[in-house]
């Protein structure tokens, strides 16, 4: 699915939202699953939302979320708020 195919709804976040930084190249139309944080890279114990940089962690960090929406390879994470804000704009497939 392309950016133009999913970017037609009138009730979406504005295209100049500060959180939009070119993620459509990697995240448009991908499959996401809500899950507890899983380590994606060896030695990493947290990651950040691809949009707002909210920390998503395997352990208790101050202000960190313990779960988020992840790609199938667990390398890209989206916090719950950004998922809700951008799900239609990006046309995500979810379980």
N, C-alpha and C. Protein backbone atom coordinates (compact mmCIF):
# COMPACT_ATOMS: atom_id res chain seq x y z
N UNK A 1 0.84 -1.17 0.00
CA UNK A 1 0.00 0.00 0.00
C UNK A 1 0.89 1.24 0.00
N UNK A 2 0.53 2.23 -0.76
CA UNK A 2 1.34 3.44 -0.86
C UNK A 2 0.78 4.54 0.03
N UNK A 3 1.61 5.56 0.27
CA UNK A 3 1.21 6.72 1.08
C UNK A 3 -0.02 7.38 0.47
N UNK A 4 -0.05 7.56 -0.83
CA UNK A 4 -1.19 8.22 -1.48
C UNK A 4 -2.48 7.42 -1.34
N UNK A 5 -2.40 6.10 -1.31
CA UNK A 5 -3.59 5.27 -1.19
C UNK A 5 -4.23 5.37 0.19
N UNK A 6 -3.45 5.56 1.23
CA UNK A 6 -4.01 5.62 2.58
C UNK A 6 -4.20 7.04 3.08
N UNK A 7 -3.68 8.02 2.38
CA UNK A 7 -3.70 9.39 2.87
C UNK A 7 -4.85 10.19 2.27
N UNK A 8 -6.07 9.64 2.27
CA UNK A 8 -7.19 10.33 1.68
C UNK A 8 -8.29 10.72 2.65
N UNK A 9 -8.24 10.31 3.90
CA UNK A 9 -9.31 10.58 4.86
C UNK A 9 -9.30 12.03 5.31
N UNK A 10 -10.48 12.60 5.50
CA UNK A 10 -10.62 13.98 5.96
C UNK A 10 -10.41 14.13 7.46
N UNK A 11 -10.56 13.05 8.24
CA UNK A 11 -10.52 13.12 9.70
C UNK A 11 -9.18 12.66 10.27
N UNK A 12 -8.11 13.03 9.62
CA UNK A 12 -6.80 12.56 10.06
C UNK A 12 -5.99 13.70 10.66
N UNK A 13 -4.88 13.31 11.25
CA UNK A 13 -3.89 14.25 11.75
C UNK A 13 -3.40 15.09 10.56
N UNK A 14 -3.08 16.34 10.82
CA UNK A 14 -2.55 17.21 9.77
C UNK A 14 -1.21 16.71 9.26
N UNK A 15 -0.93 16.91 8.00
CA UNK A 15 0.33 16.46 7.40
C UNK A 15 1.54 17.20 7.94
N UNK A 16 1.32 18.35 8.62
CA UNK A 16 2.45 19.08 9.19
C UNK A 16 2.62 18.80 10.69
N UNK A 17 1.99 17.72 11.19
CA UNK A 17 2.15 17.32 12.59
C UNK A 17 3.64 17.15 12.88
N UNK A 18 4.10 17.66 14.00
CA UNK A 18 5.53 17.64 14.35
C UNK A 18 6.11 16.23 14.42
N UNK A 19 5.25 15.22 14.61
CA UNK A 19 5.73 13.85 14.74
C UNK A 19 6.01 13.18 13.40
N UNK A 20 5.56 13.77 12.32
CA UNK A 20 5.76 13.18 11.00
C UNK A 20 7.13 13.59 10.46
N UNK A 21 7.99 12.58 10.28
CA UNK A 21 9.37 12.85 9.84
C UNK A 21 9.81 11.85 8.77
N UNK A 22 8.93 11.53 7.84
CA UNK A 22 9.29 10.61 6.76
C UNK A 22 9.07 9.14 7.06
N UNK A 23 8.30 8.82 8.09
CA UNK A 23 8.08 7.42 8.45
C UNK A 23 7.30 6.64 7.41
N UNK A 24 6.63 7.34 6.48
CA UNK A 24 5.81 6.63 5.50
C UNK A 24 6.64 5.68 4.64
N UNK A 25 7.91 5.94 4.47
CA UNK A 25 8.75 5.05 3.67
C UNK A 25 8.86 3.67 4.29
N UNK A 26 8.89 3.60 5.61
CA UNK A 26 9.09 2.32 6.30
C UNK A 26 7.83 1.78 6.98
N UNK A 27 6.83 2.62 7.23
CA UNK A 27 5.71 2.17 8.06
C UNK A 27 4.35 2.21 7.37
N UNK A 28 4.26 2.68 6.16
CA UNK A 28 2.97 2.74 5.48
C UNK A 28 2.48 1.34 5.12
N UNK A 29 1.29 0.98 5.62
CA UNK A 29 0.66 -0.29 5.29
C UNK A 29 1.26 -1.52 5.95
N UNK A 30 2.13 -1.36 6.94
CA UNK A 30 2.76 -2.52 7.57
C UNK A 30 1.84 -3.18 8.59
N UNK A 31 2.19 -4.39 8.97
CA UNK A 31 1.49 -5.13 10.01
C UNK A 31 2.07 -4.74 11.36
N UNK A 32 1.22 -4.36 12.31
CA UNK A 32 1.64 -4.05 13.67
C UNK A 32 0.85 -4.90 14.64
N UNK A 33 1.49 -5.21 15.76
CA UNK A 33 0.84 -6.00 16.80
C UNK A 33 1.12 -5.34 18.16
N UNK A 34 0.06 -5.17 18.97
CA UNK A 34 0.22 -4.65 20.33
C UNK A 34 0.83 -5.75 21.18
N UNK A 35 1.97 -5.43 21.83
CA UNK A 35 2.64 -6.44 22.64
C UNK A 35 3.57 -5.78 23.65
N UNK A 36 3.93 -6.53 24.68
CA UNK A 36 4.95 -6.02 25.60
C UNK A 36 6.25 -5.82 24.84
N UNK A 37 7.04 -4.87 25.30
CA UNK A 37 8.31 -4.61 24.62
C UNK A 37 9.18 -5.86 24.61
N UNK A 38 9.70 -6.17 23.44
CA UNK A 38 10.63 -7.28 23.25
C UNK A 38 11.91 -6.70 22.70
N UNK A 39 13.02 -7.22 23.15
CA UNK A 39 14.30 -6.70 22.70
C UNK A 39 14.48 -6.94 21.21
N UNK A 40 14.78 -5.88 20.47
CA UNK A 40 14.96 -5.99 19.03
C UNK A 40 16.41 -6.13 18.62
N UNK A 41 17.29 -5.47 19.35
CA UNK A 41 18.71 -5.52 19.07
C UNK A 41 19.43 -6.07 20.30
N UNK A 42 20.47 -6.85 20.12
CA UNK A 42 21.22 -7.35 21.28
C UNK A 42 21.75 -6.19 22.13
N UNK A 43 21.56 -6.30 23.43
CA UNK A 43 22.05 -5.28 24.34
C UNK A 43 21.12 -4.11 24.57
N UNK A 44 20.02 -4.03 23.86
CA UNK A 44 19.07 -2.94 24.05
C UNK A 44 17.99 -3.36 25.04
N UNK A 45 17.62 -2.48 25.96
CA UNK A 45 16.55 -2.79 26.89
C UNK A 45 15.36 -1.86 26.72
N UNK A 46 15.42 -1.00 25.72
CA UNK A 46 14.29 -0.12 25.42
C UNK A 46 14.40 0.34 23.97
N UNK A 47 13.33 0.93 23.53
CA UNK A 47 13.28 1.53 22.20
C UNK A 47 12.45 2.79 22.33
N UNK A 48 12.21 3.46 21.22
CA UNK A 48 11.41 4.69 21.23
C UNK A 48 10.35 4.61 20.15
N UNK A 49 9.23 5.27 20.39
CA UNK A 49 8.18 5.39 19.39
C UNK A 49 8.77 6.04 18.14
N UNK A 50 8.43 5.50 17.00
CA UNK A 50 8.91 6.02 15.73
C UNK A 50 8.42 7.45 15.44
N UNK A 51 7.43 7.90 16.20
CA UNK A 51 6.84 9.21 15.94
C UNK A 51 7.19 10.24 17.01
N UNK A 52 6.93 9.96 18.26
CA UNK A 52 7.07 10.97 19.32
C UNK A 52 8.27 10.72 20.23
N UNK A 53 8.96 9.64 20.07
CA UNK A 53 10.12 9.24 20.87
C UNK A 53 9.77 8.86 22.30
N UNK A 54 8.50 8.54 22.55
CA UNK A 54 8.11 7.98 23.84
C UNK A 54 8.93 6.71 24.07
N UNK A 55 9.49 6.57 25.26
CA UNK A 55 10.29 5.39 25.56
C UNK A 55 9.37 4.19 25.79
N UNK A 56 9.71 3.06 25.18
CA UNK A 56 9.01 1.79 25.36
C UNK A 56 10.08 0.81 25.83
N UNK A 57 9.88 0.21 27.01
CA UNK A 57 10.97 -0.52 27.63
C UNK A 57 10.54 -1.88 28.17
N UNK A 58 11.54 -2.75 28.31
CA UNK A 58 11.32 -4.07 28.90
C UNK A 58 11.33 -4.01 30.42
N UNK A 59 11.87 -2.94 30.97
CA UNK A 59 11.99 -2.79 32.41
C UNK A 59 11.33 -1.49 32.85
N UNK A 60 11.20 -1.30 34.13
CA UNK A 60 10.59 -0.09 34.67
C UNK A 60 11.56 1.09 34.58
N UNK A 61 11.33 1.93 33.60
CA UNK A 61 12.03 3.20 33.47
C UNK A 61 11.04 4.30 33.79
N UNK A 62 11.50 5.41 34.33
CA UNK A 62 10.58 6.53 34.54
C UNK A 62 9.96 6.97 33.21
N UNK A 63 8.66 7.16 33.21
CA UNK A 63 7.91 7.64 32.04
C UNK A 63 7.94 6.69 30.84
N UNK A 64 8.31 5.45 31.02
CA UNK A 64 8.34 4.50 29.90
C UNK A 64 7.06 3.69 29.87
N UNK A 65 6.64 3.32 28.68
CA UNK A 65 5.53 2.40 28.51
C UNK A 65 6.12 1.00 28.39
N UNK A 66 5.38 0.01 28.87
CA UNK A 66 5.86 -1.37 28.83
C UNK A 66 5.39 -2.13 27.59
N UNK A 67 4.45 -1.55 26.84
CA UNK A 67 3.99 -2.20 25.61
C UNK A 67 3.72 -1.15 24.56
N UNK A 68 3.68 -1.60 23.33
CA UNK A 68 3.41 -0.73 22.20
C UNK A 68 3.07 -1.58 21.00
N UNK A 69 2.92 -0.93 19.87
CA UNK A 69 2.65 -1.62 18.61
C UNK A 69 3.97 -1.81 17.89
N UNK A 70 4.28 -3.05 17.52
CA UNK A 70 5.57 -3.37 16.91
C UNK A 70 5.38 -4.02 15.55
N UNK A 71 6.37 -3.80 14.69
CA UNK A 71 6.41 -4.52 13.42
C UNK A 71 6.74 -5.98 13.71
N UNK A 72 6.54 -6.84 12.73
CA UNK A 72 6.75 -8.27 12.93
C UNK A 72 8.18 -8.61 13.36
N UNK A 73 9.15 -7.81 12.96
CA UNK A 73 10.54 -8.08 13.34
C UNK A 73 10.95 -7.42 14.66
N UNK A 74 10.01 -6.73 15.32
CA UNK A 74 10.24 -6.04 16.60
C UNK A 74 11.29 -4.93 16.52
N UNK A 75 11.55 -4.41 15.33
CA UNK A 75 12.55 -3.36 15.19
C UNK A 75 11.97 -1.96 15.18
N UNK A 76 10.69 -1.84 14.92
CA UNK A 76 10.04 -0.52 14.90
C UNK A 76 8.85 -0.56 15.84
N UNK A 77 8.78 0.44 16.71
CA UNK A 77 7.75 0.51 17.74
C UNK A 77 6.98 1.81 17.64
N UNK A 78 5.67 1.72 17.90
CA UNK A 78 4.79 2.88 17.91
C UNK A 78 4.05 2.87 19.24
N UNK A 79 4.08 3.99 19.96
CA UNK A 79 3.36 4.05 21.24
C UNK A 79 1.86 4.02 20.98
N UNK A 80 1.09 3.76 22.02
CA UNK A 80 -0.35 3.61 21.86
C UNK A 80 -1.02 4.90 21.39
N UNK A 81 -0.57 6.07 21.88
CA UNK A 81 -1.18 7.32 21.44
C UNK A 81 -0.90 7.60 19.97
N UNK A 82 0.33 7.41 19.53
CA UNK A 82 0.65 7.64 18.12
C UNK A 82 -0.03 6.61 17.23
N UNK A 83 -0.18 5.39 17.71
CA UNK A 83 -0.92 4.40 16.93
C UNK A 83 -2.34 4.90 16.67
N UNK A 84 -3.01 5.37 17.72
CA UNK A 84 -4.38 5.87 17.56
C UNK A 84 -4.41 7.09 16.63
N UNK A 85 -3.44 7.96 16.76
CA UNK A 85 -3.41 9.17 15.95
C UNK A 85 -3.13 8.91 14.48
N UNK A 86 -2.31 7.92 14.16
CA UNK A 86 -1.84 7.73 12.79
C UNK A 86 -2.31 6.46 12.11
N UNK A 87 -3.14 5.65 12.78
CA UNK A 87 -3.50 4.34 12.20
C UNK A 87 -4.20 4.47 10.85
N UNK A 88 -5.05 5.45 10.69
CA UNK A 88 -5.73 5.59 9.41
C UNK A 88 -4.82 6.21 8.36
N UNK A 89 -4.03 7.18 8.76
CA UNK A 89 -3.11 7.83 7.82
C UNK A 89 -2.12 6.83 7.23
N UNK A 90 -1.65 5.88 8.04
CA UNK A 90 -0.65 4.92 7.59
C UNK A 90 -1.25 3.59 7.15
N UNK A 91 -2.55 3.39 7.35
CA UNK A 91 -3.20 2.16 6.87
C UNK A 91 -2.62 0.90 7.46
N UNK A 92 -2.34 0.92 8.76
CA UNK A 92 -1.74 -0.25 9.40
C UNK A 92 -2.69 -1.42 9.47
N UNK A 93 -2.14 -2.62 9.36
CA UNK A 93 -2.87 -3.87 9.56
C UNK A 93 -2.53 -4.34 10.96
N UNK A 94 -3.55 -4.69 11.75
CA UNK A 94 -3.30 -5.11 13.13
C UNK A 94 -4.02 -6.42 13.42
N UNK A 95 -3.51 -7.14 14.46
CA UNK A 95 -4.17 -8.35 14.96
C UNK A 95 -5.14 -7.94 16.04
